[in-house]
Amino acid sequence: MEEGDQLPAEKEQIAESVPAGVVAPPARGTPRRRLAKLAVVIVGIAAVALLRLFVYESDIVEGNSMEPGLKSGDFVLLCKLGCGAKPPRRFEVITFRSPDSKEVLIKRVIGLPGEWVWVWEDHVFVNGGRLQEPYVAKWRGRFDAPVFVPPDSIFVLGDNRDDSEDSRVWGPIRVSSVRGRAMLVFLPFRSVGLVR
């Protein structure tokens, strides 16, 4: 009888000698399988890095200028795709570099290139038409002279107008300074939802 051959009775004795609940370690994958898994991991990491570099980014809201919709401490997912190439749409919430301090700010787009924006009391007019702004916190209002938005710029305002430094202070911002469009709040969990 060969060394590897065992009688059925001997096999049963060996099986009985293995403690219950012990699982044999899984057989290691072949080198080709391991290489395929490594390639999948590398491709996944590269895809995430490219998305992070060119498409998506996250930022944290600091300050109260976008209340009640966005609160200080909210983490926001931004879409960077196409930013700087064309102006964002009216009412989109964007992040950009402040023209005076280069600090990253978050505000809402109100005026588009070639438009006139006028703040009168607690209303905003664009090209003579009053905007309906359900997202705005109640504010005291003020008077500002009409502002023309140059072709390569946009006019932005915070939703909490009484506590926002925005285009009323430093005028329209350049489209090229826009970093991303705010899409959704993902933290904290009580605030999770789309940015409106």
N, C-alpha and C. Protein backbone atom coordinates (compact mmCIF):
# COMPACT_ATOMS: atom_id res chain seq x y z
N MET A 1 0.85 -1.19 0.00
CA MET A 1 0.00 0.00 0.00
C MET A 1 0.89 1.24 0.00
N GLU A 2 0.55 2.26 -0.85
CA GLU A 2 1.32 3.50 -0.95
C GLU A 2 1.19 4.29 0.34
N GLU A 3 2.17 5.25 0.58
CA GLU A 3 2.13 6.06 1.79
C GLU A 3 0.88 6.91 1.88
N GLY A 4 0.45 7.46 0.73
CA GLY A 4 -0.70 8.36 0.72
C GLY A 4 -2.02 7.64 0.89
N ASP A 5 -2.02 6.31 0.68
CA ASP A 5 -3.27 5.56 0.77
C ASP A 5 -3.62 5.31 2.24
N GLN A 6 -4.89 5.50 2.58
CA GLN A 6 -5.35 5.23 3.92
C GLN A 6 -6.65 4.44 3.84
N LEU A 7 -6.83 3.57 4.79
CA LEU A 7 -8.06 2.80 4.86
C LEU A 7 -9.18 3.70 5.36
N PRO A 8 -10.43 3.43 5.01
CA PRO A 8 -11.55 4.26 5.47
C PRO A 8 -11.59 4.41 6.98
N ALA A 9 -11.26 3.36 7.72
CA ALA A 9 -11.29 3.43 9.18
C ALA A 9 -10.25 4.42 9.69
N GLU A 10 -9.05 4.42 9.06
CA GLU A 10 -8.01 5.36 9.48
C GLU A 10 -8.44 6.80 9.22
N LYS A 11 -9.09 7.06 8.07
CA LYS A 11 -9.57 8.39 7.74
C LYS A 11 -10.58 8.87 8.78
N GLU A 12 -11.46 7.97 9.24
CA GLU A 12 -12.45 8.35 10.25
C GLU A 12 -11.78 8.71 11.56
N GLN A 13 -10.70 7.94 11.92
CA GLN A 13 -9.98 8.23 13.16
C GLN A 13 -9.32 9.60 13.09
N ILE A 14 -8.73 9.93 11.93
CA ILE A 14 -8.08 11.24 11.76
C ILE A 14 -9.12 12.34 11.86
N ALA A 15 -10.27 12.16 11.22
CA ALA A 15 -11.34 13.17 11.25
C ALA A 15 -11.83 13.38 12.67
N GLU A 16 -11.93 12.27 13.46
CA GLU A 16 -12.40 12.39 14.84
C GLU A 16 -11.39 13.10 15.73
N SER A 17 -10.08 13.00 15.36
CA SER A 17 -9.04 13.60 16.19
C SER A 17 -8.95 15.12 16.01
N VAL A 18 -9.58 15.71 14.94
CA VAL A 18 -9.59 17.16 14.72
C VAL A 18 -10.68 17.77 15.58
N PRO A 19 -10.34 18.73 16.44
CA PRO A 19 -11.37 19.32 17.32
C PRO A 19 -12.50 19.95 16.52
N ALA A 20 -13.70 19.92 17.10
CA ALA A 20 -14.87 20.49 16.42
C ALA A 20 -14.71 22.01 16.32
N GLY A 21 -15.16 22.58 15.22
CA GLY A 21 -15.12 24.03 15.04
C GLY A 21 -13.83 24.54 14.43
N VAL A 22 -12.84 23.67 14.26
CA VAL A 22 -11.58 24.10 13.64
C VAL A 22 -11.75 24.03 12.14
N VAL A 23 -11.44 25.14 11.51
CA VAL A 23 -11.58 25.21 10.05
C VAL A 23 -10.20 25.27 9.44
N ALA A 24 -9.99 24.48 8.44
CA ALA A 24 -8.70 24.48 7.77
C ALA A 24 -8.49 25.82 7.07
N PRO A 25 -7.25 26.33 7.05
CA PRO A 25 -7.01 27.60 6.36
C PRO A 25 -7.30 27.47 4.88
N PRO A 26 -7.83 28.55 4.27
CA PRO A 26 -8.13 28.46 2.84
C PRO A 26 -6.85 28.33 2.04
N ALA A 27 -6.97 27.65 0.94
CA ALA A 27 -5.81 27.50 0.08
C ALA A 27 -5.44 28.86 -0.50
N ARG A 28 -4.16 29.14 -0.53
CA ARG A 28 -3.70 30.43 -1.05
C ARG A 28 -3.96 30.48 -2.56
N GLY A 29 -4.32 31.70 -3.04
CA GLY A 29 -4.59 31.85 -4.46
C GLY A 29 -3.34 31.68 -5.29
N THR A 30 -3.53 31.42 -6.52
CA THR A 30 -2.39 31.28 -7.41
C THR A 30 -1.76 32.65 -7.63
N PRO A 31 -0.51 32.70 -8.03
CA PRO A 31 0.13 34.00 -8.29
C PRO A 31 -0.65 34.85 -9.29
N ARG A 32 -1.25 34.22 -10.28
CA ARG A 32 -2.02 34.96 -11.29
C ARG A 32 -3.24 35.63 -10.65
N ARG A 33 -3.92 34.89 -9.73
CA ARG A 33 -5.08 35.46 -9.05
C ARG A 33 -4.69 36.62 -8.15
N ARG A 34 -3.58 36.46 -7.41
CA ARG A 34 -3.10 37.52 -6.54
C ARG A 34 -2.75 38.77 -7.35
N LEU A 35 -2.13 38.56 -8.50
CA LEU A 35 -1.76 39.67 -9.37
C LEU A 35 -3.00 40.39 -9.88
N ALA A 36 -4.05 39.64 -10.21
CA ALA A 36 -5.31 40.25 -10.68
C ALA A 36 -5.95 41.08 -9.58
N LYS A 37 -5.94 40.56 -8.33
CA LYS A 37 -6.51 41.32 -7.21
C LYS A 37 -5.73 42.61 -6.97
N LEU A 38 -4.41 42.52 -7.05
CA LEU A 38 -3.56 43.70 -6.87
C LEU A 38 -3.86 44.74 -7.95
N ALA A 39 -4.03 44.27 -9.18
CA ALA A 39 -4.33 45.19 -10.29
C ALA A 39 -5.67 45.89 -10.06
N VAL A 40 -6.68 45.16 -9.57
CA VAL A 40 -7.99 45.76 -9.28
C VAL A 40 -7.86 46.84 -8.21
N VAL A 41 -7.08 46.55 -7.16
CA VAL A 41 -6.88 47.53 -6.08
C VAL A 41 -6.18 48.78 -6.61
N ILE A 42 -5.14 48.59 -7.42
CA ILE A 42 -4.40 49.74 -7.96
C ILE A 42 -5.29 50.58 -8.86
N VAL A 43 -6.07 49.94 -9.72
CA VAL A 43 -6.99 50.67 -10.60
C VAL A 43 -8.03 51.43 -9.78
N GLY A 44 -8.55 50.80 -8.72
CA GLY A 44 -9.53 51.46 -7.84
C GLY A 44 -8.95 52.70 -7.17
N ILE A 45 -7.73 52.58 -6.65
CA ILE A 45 -7.08 53.72 -6.00
C ILE A 45 -6.83 54.84 -7.01
N ALA A 46 -6.38 54.49 -8.20
CA ALA A 46 -6.14 55.50 -9.24
C ALA A 46 -7.43 56.20 -9.64
N ALA A 47 -8.54 55.44 -9.74
CA ALA A 47 -9.83 56.04 -10.11
C ALA A 47 -10.29 57.01 -9.05
N VAL A 48 -10.16 56.63 -7.77
CA VAL A 48 -10.56 57.52 -6.68
C VAL A 48 -9.70 58.78 -6.70
N ALA A 49 -8.39 58.62 -6.91
CA ALA A 49 -7.49 59.78 -6.95
C ALA A 49 -7.85 60.72 -8.09
N LEU A 50 -8.16 60.18 -9.26
CA LEU A 50 -8.54 61.02 -10.41
C LEU A 50 -9.86 61.74 -10.15
N LEU A 51 -10.84 61.02 -9.57
CA LEU A 51 -12.11 61.66 -9.24
C LEU A 51 -11.90 62.79 -8.24
N ARG A 52 -11.05 62.54 -7.24
CA ARG A 52 -10.76 63.56 -6.22
C ARG A 52 -10.06 64.76 -6.83
N LEU A 53 -9.18 64.52 -7.80
CA LEU A 53 -8.40 65.59 -8.40
C LEU A 53 -9.22 66.43 -9.37
N PHE A 54 -10.05 65.79 -10.18
CA PHE A 54 -10.72 66.50 -11.27
C PHE A 54 -12.24 66.63 -11.14
N VAL A 55 -12.89 65.80 -10.35
CA VAL A 55 -14.35 65.78 -10.36
C VAL A 55 -14.97 66.17 -9.02
N TYR A 56 -14.58 65.50 -7.94
CA TYR A 56 -15.23 65.74 -6.65
C TYR A 56 -14.25 66.22 -5.59
N GLU A 57 -14.78 66.93 -4.63
CA GLU A 57 -13.99 67.42 -3.51
C GLU A 57 -14.94 67.64 -2.34
N SER A 58 -14.42 67.64 -1.14
CA SER A 58 -15.27 67.95 0.00
C SER A 58 -14.74 69.19 0.70
N ASP A 59 -15.62 69.88 1.38
CA ASP A 59 -15.24 71.08 2.12
C ASP A 59 -16.15 71.20 3.34
N ILE A 60 -15.73 72.01 4.28
CA ILE A 60 -16.53 72.22 5.49
C ILE A 60 -17.02 73.66 5.53
N VAL A 61 -18.29 73.85 5.87
CA VAL A 61 -18.86 75.19 5.97
C VAL A 61 -18.38 75.83 7.27
N GLU A 62 -17.86 77.04 7.16
CA GLU A 62 -17.42 77.78 8.34
C GLU A 62 -18.19 79.09 8.40
N GLY A 63 -18.82 79.36 9.51
CA GLY A 63 -19.57 80.60 9.66
C GLY A 63 -21.06 80.39 9.39
N ASN A 64 -21.82 81.49 9.58
CA ASN A 64 -23.29 81.42 9.51
C ASN A 64 -23.88 82.05 8.25
N SER A 65 -23.05 82.39 7.27
CA SER A 65 -23.55 83.18 6.14
C SER A 65 -24.52 82.42 5.23
N MET A 66 -24.59 81.08 5.35
CA MET A 66 -25.49 80.31 4.47
C MET A 66 -26.64 79.67 5.23
N GLU A 67 -26.87 80.11 6.48
CA GLU A 67 -28.03 79.60 7.21
C GLU A 67 -29.30 80.17 6.60
N PRO A 68 -30.43 79.48 6.66
CA PRO A 68 -30.67 78.25 7.41
C PRO A 68 -30.31 76.97 6.67
N GLY A 69 -30.03 77.04 5.37
CA GLY A 69 -29.78 75.82 4.59
C GLY A 69 -28.51 75.09 4.98
N LEU A 70 -27.41 75.82 5.11
CA LEU A 70 -26.13 75.23 5.46
C LEU A 70 -25.64 75.86 6.76
N LYS A 71 -25.25 74.99 7.68
CA LYS A 71 -24.81 75.48 9.00
C LYS A 71 -23.31 75.29 9.15
N SER A 72 -22.72 76.08 10.02
CA SER A 72 -21.30 75.96 10.30
C SER A 72 -21.01 74.54 10.80
N GLY A 73 -20.02 73.89 10.21
CA GLY A 73 -19.67 72.52 10.58
C GLY A 73 -20.21 71.48 9.62
N ASP A 74 -21.09 71.88 8.68
CA ASP A 74 -21.59 70.92 7.68
C ASP A 74 -20.47 70.56 6.71
N PHE A 75 -20.35 69.27 6.39
CA PHE A 75 -19.41 68.82 5.37
C PHE A 75 -20.16 68.70 4.05
N VAL A 76 -19.63 69.34 3.01
CA VAL A 76 -20.32 69.43 1.73
C VAL A 76 -19.50 68.76 0.63
N LEU A 77 -20.18 67.97 -0.21
CA LEU A 77 -19.53 67.37 -1.38
C LEU A 77 -19.67 68.34 -2.55
N LEU A 78 -18.54 68.63 -3.21
CA LEU A 78 -18.53 69.59 -4.32
C LEU A 78 -18.21 68.87 -5.62
N CYS A 79 -18.84 69.33 -6.70
CA CYS A 79 -18.50 68.86 -8.04
C CYS A 79 -17.62 69.92 -8.68
N LYS A 80 -16.41 69.53 -9.09
CA LYS A 80 -15.48 70.49 -9.70
C LYS A 80 -15.54 70.48 -11.22
N LEU A 81 -16.25 69.52 -11.80
CA LEU A 81 -16.24 69.34 -13.25
C LEU A 81 -16.79 70.56 -13.97
N GLY A 82 -16.01 71.14 -14.85
CA GLY A 82 -16.46 72.27 -15.65
C GLY A 82 -16.36 73.60 -14.95
N CYS A 83 -15.95 73.64 -13.67
CA CYS A 83 -15.85 74.91 -12.96
C CYS A 83 -14.73 75.75 -13.55
N GLY A 84 -15.00 77.03 -13.73
CA GLY A 84 -14.02 77.91 -14.32
C GLY A 84 -14.14 77.98 -15.83
N ALA A 85 -14.71 76.95 -16.45
CA ALA A 85 -14.85 76.93 -17.90
C ALA A 85 -16.12 77.67 -18.32
N LYS A 86 -17.17 77.57 -17.53
CA LYS A 86 -18.42 78.27 -17.83
C LYS A 86 -19.05 78.71 -16.52
N PRO A 87 -19.84 79.79 -16.56
CA PRO A 87 -20.41 80.27 -15.30
C PRO A 87 -21.44 79.30 -14.75
N PRO A 88 -21.53 79.19 -13.42
CA PRO A 88 -22.57 78.36 -12.83
C PRO A 88 -23.95 78.96 -13.09
N ARG A 89 -24.99 78.19 -12.84
CA ARG A 89 -26.35 78.67 -13.05
C ARG A 89 -26.82 79.48 -11.84
N ARG A 90 -27.82 80.33 -12.08
CA ARG A 90 -28.40 81.11 -10.99
C ARG A 90 -28.96 80.18 -9.91
N PHE A 91 -28.79 80.58 -8.67
CA PHE A 91 -29.24 79.89 -7.47
C PHE A 91 -28.35 78.71 -7.07
N GLU A 92 -27.35 78.33 -7.86
CA GLU A 92 -26.43 77.28 -7.44
C GLU A 92 -25.58 77.78 -6.27
N VAL A 93 -25.25 76.87 -5.37
CA VAL A 93 -24.36 77.19 -4.25
C VAL A 93 -22.96 76.75 -4.65
N ILE A 94 -22.01 77.67 -4.55
CA ILE A 94 -20.65 77.41 -5.03
C ILE A 94 -19.62 77.74 -3.95
N THR A 95 -18.43 77.20 -4.13
CA THR A 95 -17.28 77.64 -3.33
C THR A 95 -16.32 78.36 -4.26
N PHE A 96 -15.59 79.33 -3.71
CA PHE A 96 -14.67 80.13 -4.52
C PHE A 96 -13.66 80.79 -3.60
N ARG A 97 -12.63 81.35 -4.19
CA ARG A 97 -11.63 82.09 -3.41
C ARG A 97 -12.06 83.54 -3.31
N SER A 98 -12.10 84.05 -2.09
CA SER A 98 -12.49 85.44 -1.85
C SER A 98 -11.54 86.37 -2.58
N PRO A 99 -12.07 87.43 -3.22
CA PRO A 99 -11.21 88.33 -3.97
C PRO A 99 -10.24 89.13 -3.09
N ASP A 100 -10.57 89.30 -1.80
CA ASP A 100 -9.67 90.10 -0.97
C ASP A 100 -8.73 89.27 -0.11
N SER A 101 -9.20 88.17 0.48
CA SER A 101 -8.36 87.40 1.41
C SER A 101 -7.87 86.07 0.83
N LYS A 102 -8.40 85.66 -0.32
CA LYS A 102 -8.11 84.35 -0.94
C LYS A 102 -8.60 83.18 -0.09
N GLU A 103 -9.39 83.48 0.94
CA GLU A 103 -10.02 82.44 1.76
C GLU A 103 -11.11 81.76 0.93
N VAL A 104 -11.34 80.46 1.16
CA VAL A 104 -12.39 79.74 0.43
C VAL A 104 -13.73 80.02 1.11
N LEU A 105 -14.69 80.53 0.31
CA LEU A 105 -16.02 80.88 0.82
C LEU A 105 -17.08 80.07 0.08
N ILE A 106 -18.28 80.03 0.66
CA ILE A 106 -19.42 79.36 0.03
C ILE A 106 -20.59 80.34 0.00
N LYS A 107 -21.16 80.55 -1.20
CA LYS A 107 -22.27 81.50 -1.38
C LYS A 107 -23.18 80.99 -2.49
N ARG A 108 -24.26 81.75 -2.73
CA ARG A 108 -25.23 81.40 -3.77
C ARG A 108 -25.09 82.35 -4.95
N VAL A 109 -25.16 81.80 -6.16
CA VAL A 109 -25.08 82.61 -7.38
C VAL A 109 -26.40 83.34 -7.59
N ILE A 110 -26.33 84.66 -7.74
CA ILE A 110 -27.52 85.48 -7.94
C ILE A 110 -27.52 86.15 -9.31
N GLY A 111 -26.42 86.80 -9.66
CA GLY A 111 -26.33 87.50 -10.94
C GLY A 111 -25.36 86.84 -11.89
N LEU A 112 -25.75 86.73 -13.15
CA LEU A 112 -24.93 86.09 -14.18
C LEU A 112 -24.25 87.14 -15.05
N PRO A 113 -23.27 86.74 -15.86
CA PRO A 113 -22.55 87.69 -16.70
C PRO A 113 -23.50 88.52 -17.57
N GLY A 114 -23.26 89.84 -17.59
CA GLY A 114 -24.06 90.74 -18.42
C GLY A 114 -25.35 91.23 -17.78
N GLU A 115 -25.61 90.86 -16.53
CA GLU A 115 -26.85 91.26 -15.86
C GLU A 115 -26.62 92.43 -14.89
N TRP A 116 -27.72 93.12 -14.56
CA TRP A 116 -27.71 94.15 -13.53
C TRP A 116 -28.36 93.58 -12.28
N VAL A 117 -27.70 93.75 -11.14
CA VAL A 117 -28.23 93.28 -9.85
C VAL A 117 -28.42 94.48 -8.94
N TRP A 118 -29.58 94.53 -8.30
CA TRP A 118 -29.93 95.66 -7.45
C TRP A 118 -30.55 95.15 -6.16
N VAL A 119 -29.97 95.53 -5.02
CA VAL A 119 -30.52 95.16 -3.71
C VAL A 119 -31.30 96.37 -3.19
N TRP A 120 -32.60 96.17 -2.96
CA TRP A 120 -33.46 97.24 -2.48
C TRP A 120 -34.24 96.73 -1.28
N GLU A 121 -33.95 97.31 -0.11
CA GLU A 121 -34.54 96.85 1.15
C GLU A 121 -34.26 95.36 1.31
N ASP A 122 -35.31 94.53 1.48
CA ASP A 122 -35.02 93.10 1.65
C ASP A 122 -35.38 92.30 0.40
N HIS A 123 -35.20 92.92 -0.76
CA HIS A 123 -35.46 92.24 -2.04
C HIS A 123 -34.25 92.39 -2.95
N VAL A 124 -34.10 91.43 -3.85
CA VAL A 124 -33.04 91.48 -4.85
C VAL A 124 -33.69 91.47 -6.23
N PHE A 125 -33.24 92.39 -7.07
CA PHE A 125 -33.76 92.51 -8.44
C PHE A 125 -32.64 92.20 -9.42
N VAL A 126 -32.96 91.43 -10.46
CA VAL A 126 -32.01 91.14 -11.53
C VAL A 126 -32.64 91.60 -12.83
N ASN A 127 -31.97 92.54 -13.50
CA ASN A 127 -32.50 93.14 -14.74
C ASN A 127 -33.92 93.64 -14.56
N GLY A 128 -34.21 94.18 -13.38
CA GLY A 128 -35.52 94.78 -13.11
C GLY A 128 -36.55 93.82 -12.54
N GLY A 129 -36.30 92.52 -12.60
CA GLY A 129 -37.26 91.54 -12.07
C GLY A 129 -36.88 91.10 -10.67
N ARG A 130 -37.86 91.06 -9.79
CA ARG A 130 -37.59 90.66 -8.41
C ARG A 130 -37.45 89.15 -8.30
N LEU A 131 -36.42 88.69 -7.60
CA LEU A 131 -36.20 87.26 -7.39
C LEU A 131 -37.05 86.74 -6.25
N GLN A 132 -37.59 85.55 -6.42
CA GLN A 132 -38.25 84.83 -5.34
C GLN A 132 -37.18 83.97 -4.67
N GLU A 133 -36.95 84.19 -3.37
CA GLU A 133 -35.85 83.51 -2.68
C GLU A 133 -36.33 82.82 -1.39
N PRO A 134 -36.94 81.66 -1.52
CA PRO A 134 -37.46 80.97 -0.33
C PRO A 134 -36.36 80.45 0.60
N TYR A 135 -35.13 80.35 0.11
CA TYR A 135 -34.02 79.83 0.89
C TYR A 135 -33.40 80.88 1.81
N VAL A 136 -33.78 82.15 1.69
CA VAL A 136 -33.14 83.24 2.43
C VAL A 136 -33.72 83.37 3.83
N ALA A 137 -32.82 83.55 4.81
CA ALA A 137 -33.26 83.86 6.17
C ALA A 137 -33.80 85.29 6.18
N LYS A 138 -34.74 85.60 7.06
CA LYS A 138 -35.28 86.95 7.15
C LYS A 138 -34.15 87.92 7.43
N TRP A 139 -34.12 89.03 6.68
CA TRP A 139 -33.04 90.00 6.86
C TRP A 139 -33.56 91.42 6.88
N ARG A 140 -32.76 92.30 7.47
CA ARG A 140 -33.20 93.69 7.65
C ARG A 140 -33.24 94.45 6.35
N GLY A 141 -32.43 94.08 5.40
CA GLY A 141 -32.43 94.75 4.12
C GLY A 141 -31.60 96.02 4.13
N ARG A 142 -31.33 96.54 2.95
CA ARG A 142 -30.50 97.73 2.79
C ARG A 142 -30.68 98.23 1.37
N PHE A 143 -30.01 99.29 1.05
CA PHE A 143 -30.06 99.79 -0.32
C PHE A 143 -28.66 99.75 -0.90
N ASP A 144 -28.52 99.16 -2.08
CA ASP A 144 -27.25 99.19 -2.82
C ASP A 144 -27.55 99.66 -4.23
N ALA A 145 -26.66 100.45 -4.77
CA ALA A 145 -26.82 100.89 -6.15
C ALA A 145 -26.75 99.68 -7.08
N PRO A 146 -27.44 99.75 -8.23
CA PRO A 146 -27.36 98.64 -9.19
C PRO A 146 -25.91 98.34 -9.58
N VAL A 147 -25.61 97.06 -9.71
CA VAL A 147 -24.25 96.61 -10.06
C VAL A 147 -24.32 95.84 -11.36
N PHE A 148 -23.43 96.19 -12.31
CA PHE A 148 -23.35 95.45 -13.56
C PHE A 148 -22.36 94.31 -13.39
N VAL A 149 -22.76 93.10 -13.81
CA VAL A 149 -21.89 91.92 -13.71
C VAL A 149 -21.11 91.77 -15.02
N PRO A 150 -19.79 91.92 -14.98
CA PRO A 150 -18.98 91.80 -16.21
C PRO A 150 -19.11 90.43 -16.87
N PRO A 151 -18.71 90.31 -18.13
CA PRO A 151 -18.87 89.06 -18.89
C PRO A 151 -18.20 87.84 -18.26
N ASP A 152 -17.11 88.02 -17.54
CA ASP A 152 -16.38 86.88 -16.98
C ASP A 152 -16.62 86.72 -15.48
N SER A 153 -17.73 87.25 -14.98
CA SER A 153 -17.96 87.29 -13.53
C SER A 153 -19.37 86.86 -13.16
N ILE A 154 -19.59 86.67 -11.85
CA ILE A 154 -20.91 86.38 -11.31
C ILE A 154 -21.09 87.17 -10.01
N PHE A 155 -22.34 87.40 -9.63
CA PHE A 155 -22.67 88.12 -8.40
C PHE A 155 -23.18 87.10 -7.40
N VAL A 156 -22.58 87.05 -6.20
CA VAL A 156 -22.94 86.03 -5.21
C VAL A 156 -23.40 86.68 -3.91
N LEU A 157 -24.33 86.01 -3.23
CA LEU A 157 -24.83 86.46 -1.93
C LEU A 157 -24.94 85.26 -0.99
N GLY A 158 -24.77 85.52 0.31
CA GLY A 158 -25.05 84.50 1.30
C GLY A 158 -26.55 84.43 1.54
N ASP A 159 -27.04 83.30 2.01
CA ASP A 159 -28.47 83.16 2.32
C ASP A 159 -28.85 83.90 3.59
N ASN A 160 -27.90 84.04 4.51
CA ASN A 160 -28.12 84.78 5.75
C ASN A 160 -27.57 86.19 5.53
N ARG A 161 -28.36 87.03 4.87
CA ARG A 161 -27.87 88.31 4.36
C ARG A 161 -27.37 89.26 5.44
N ASP A 162 -27.90 89.15 6.65
CA ASP A 162 -27.45 90.04 7.73
C ASP A 162 -26.10 89.63 8.29
N ASP A 163 -25.62 88.45 7.94
CA ASP A 163 -24.34 87.97 8.47
C ASP A 163 -23.50 87.39 7.33
N SER A 164 -23.42 88.11 6.21
CA SER A 164 -22.69 87.60 5.06
C SER A 164 -21.89 88.71 4.39
N GLU A 165 -20.61 88.45 4.22
CA GLU A 165 -19.78 89.33 3.40
C GLU A 165 -19.77 88.72 2.01
N ASP A 166 -20.23 89.45 1.01
CA ASP A 166 -20.42 88.87 -0.32
C ASP A 166 -20.24 89.94 -1.39
N SER A 167 -20.87 89.76 -2.54
CA SER A 167 -20.69 90.70 -3.65
C SER A 167 -21.21 92.10 -3.34
N ARG A 168 -22.00 92.26 -2.29
CA ARG A 168 -22.40 93.61 -1.87
C ARG A 168 -21.21 94.37 -1.32
N VAL A 169 -20.20 93.64 -0.84
CA VAL A 169 -19.00 94.26 -0.27
C VAL A 169 -17.90 94.39 -1.31
N TRP A 170 -17.55 93.27 -1.97
CA TRP A 170 -16.42 93.31 -2.90
C TRP A 170 -16.81 93.15 -4.36
N GLY A 171 -18.07 93.27 -4.68
CA GLY A 171 -18.49 93.25 -6.09
C GLY A 171 -18.52 91.85 -6.67
N PRO A 172 -18.81 91.74 -7.97
CA PRO A 172 -18.86 90.43 -8.62
C PRO A 172 -17.51 89.72 -8.53
N ILE A 173 -17.56 88.39 -8.53
CA ILE A 173 -16.32 87.60 -8.51
C ILE A 173 -16.08 87.00 -9.89
N ARG A 174 -14.84 86.69 -10.17
CA ARG A 174 -14.50 86.10 -11.47
C ARG A 174 -14.91 84.63 -11.51
N VAL A 175 -15.42 84.20 -12.64
CA VAL A 175 -15.82 82.79 -12.81
C VAL A 175 -14.63 81.88 -12.58
N SER A 176 -13.44 82.32 -12.96
CA SER A 176 -12.23 81.49 -12.81
C SER A 176 -11.88 81.21 -11.35
N SER A 177 -12.46 81.97 -10.41
CA SER A 177 -12.16 81.74 -8.99
C SER A 177 -13.06 80.66 -8.38
N VAL A 178 -14.06 80.20 -9.14
CA VAL A 178 -14.98 79.17 -8.63
C VAL A 178 -14.26 77.84 -8.51
N ARG A 179 -14.40 77.19 -7.35
CA ARG A 179 -13.73 75.92 -7.09
C ARG A 179 -14.66 74.73 -7.27
N GLY A 180 -15.95 74.90 -6.97
CA GLY A 180 -16.86 73.77 -7.09
C GLY A 180 -18.30 74.15 -6.83
N ARG A 181 -19.20 73.28 -7.28
CA ARG A 181 -20.64 73.45 -7.04
C ARG A 181 -21.04 72.52 -5.89
N ALA A 182 -21.68 73.05 -4.88
CA ALA A 182 -22.09 72.23 -3.73
C ALA A 182 -23.24 71.33 -4.14
N MET A 183 -23.09 70.01 -3.88
CA MET A 183 -24.11 69.05 -4.28
C MET A 183 -24.91 68.52 -3.09
N LEU A 184 -24.20 68.08 -2.05
CA LEU A 184 -24.93 67.52 -0.90
C LEU A 184 -24.12 67.66 0.37
N VAL A 185 -24.86 67.65 1.48
CA VAL A 185 -24.25 67.64 2.81
C VAL A 185 -24.18 66.18 3.23
N PHE A 186 -22.97 65.70 3.63
CA PHE A 186 -22.85 64.30 4.02
C PHE A 186 -22.52 64.11 5.50
N LEU A 187 -22.21 65.17 6.19
CA LEU A 187 -22.00 65.13 7.64
C LEU A 187 -22.36 66.49 8.21
N PRO A 188 -22.82 66.56 9.44
CA PRO A 188 -23.24 65.48 10.33
C PRO A 188 -24.52 64.82 9.82
N PHE A 189 -24.84 63.65 10.36
CA PHE A 189 -25.94 62.85 9.83
C PHE A 189 -27.29 63.56 9.93
N ARG A 190 -27.48 64.40 10.92
CA ARG A 190 -28.75 65.12 11.06
C ARG A 190 -28.98 66.10 9.91
N SER A 191 -27.89 66.48 9.19
CA SER A 191 -28.00 67.45 8.11
C SER A 191 -27.90 66.85 6.73
N VAL A 192 -27.75 65.52 6.63
CA VAL A 192 -27.54 64.88 5.34
C VAL A 192 -28.67 65.20 4.37
N GLY A 193 -28.30 65.60 3.14
CA GLY A 193 -29.30 65.89 2.13
C GLY A 193 -28.71 66.72 1.01
N LEU A 194 -29.48 66.89 -0.04
CA LEU A 194 -29.04 67.69 -1.19
C LEU A 194 -29.00 69.16 -0.81
N VAL A 195 -28.05 69.88 -1.41
CA VAL A 195 -27.97 71.33 -1.22
C VAL A 195 -28.97 71.96 -2.16
N ARG A 196 -29.89 72.78 -1.61
CA ARG A 196 -30.93 73.40 -2.43
C ARG A 196 -30.79 74.91 -2.39
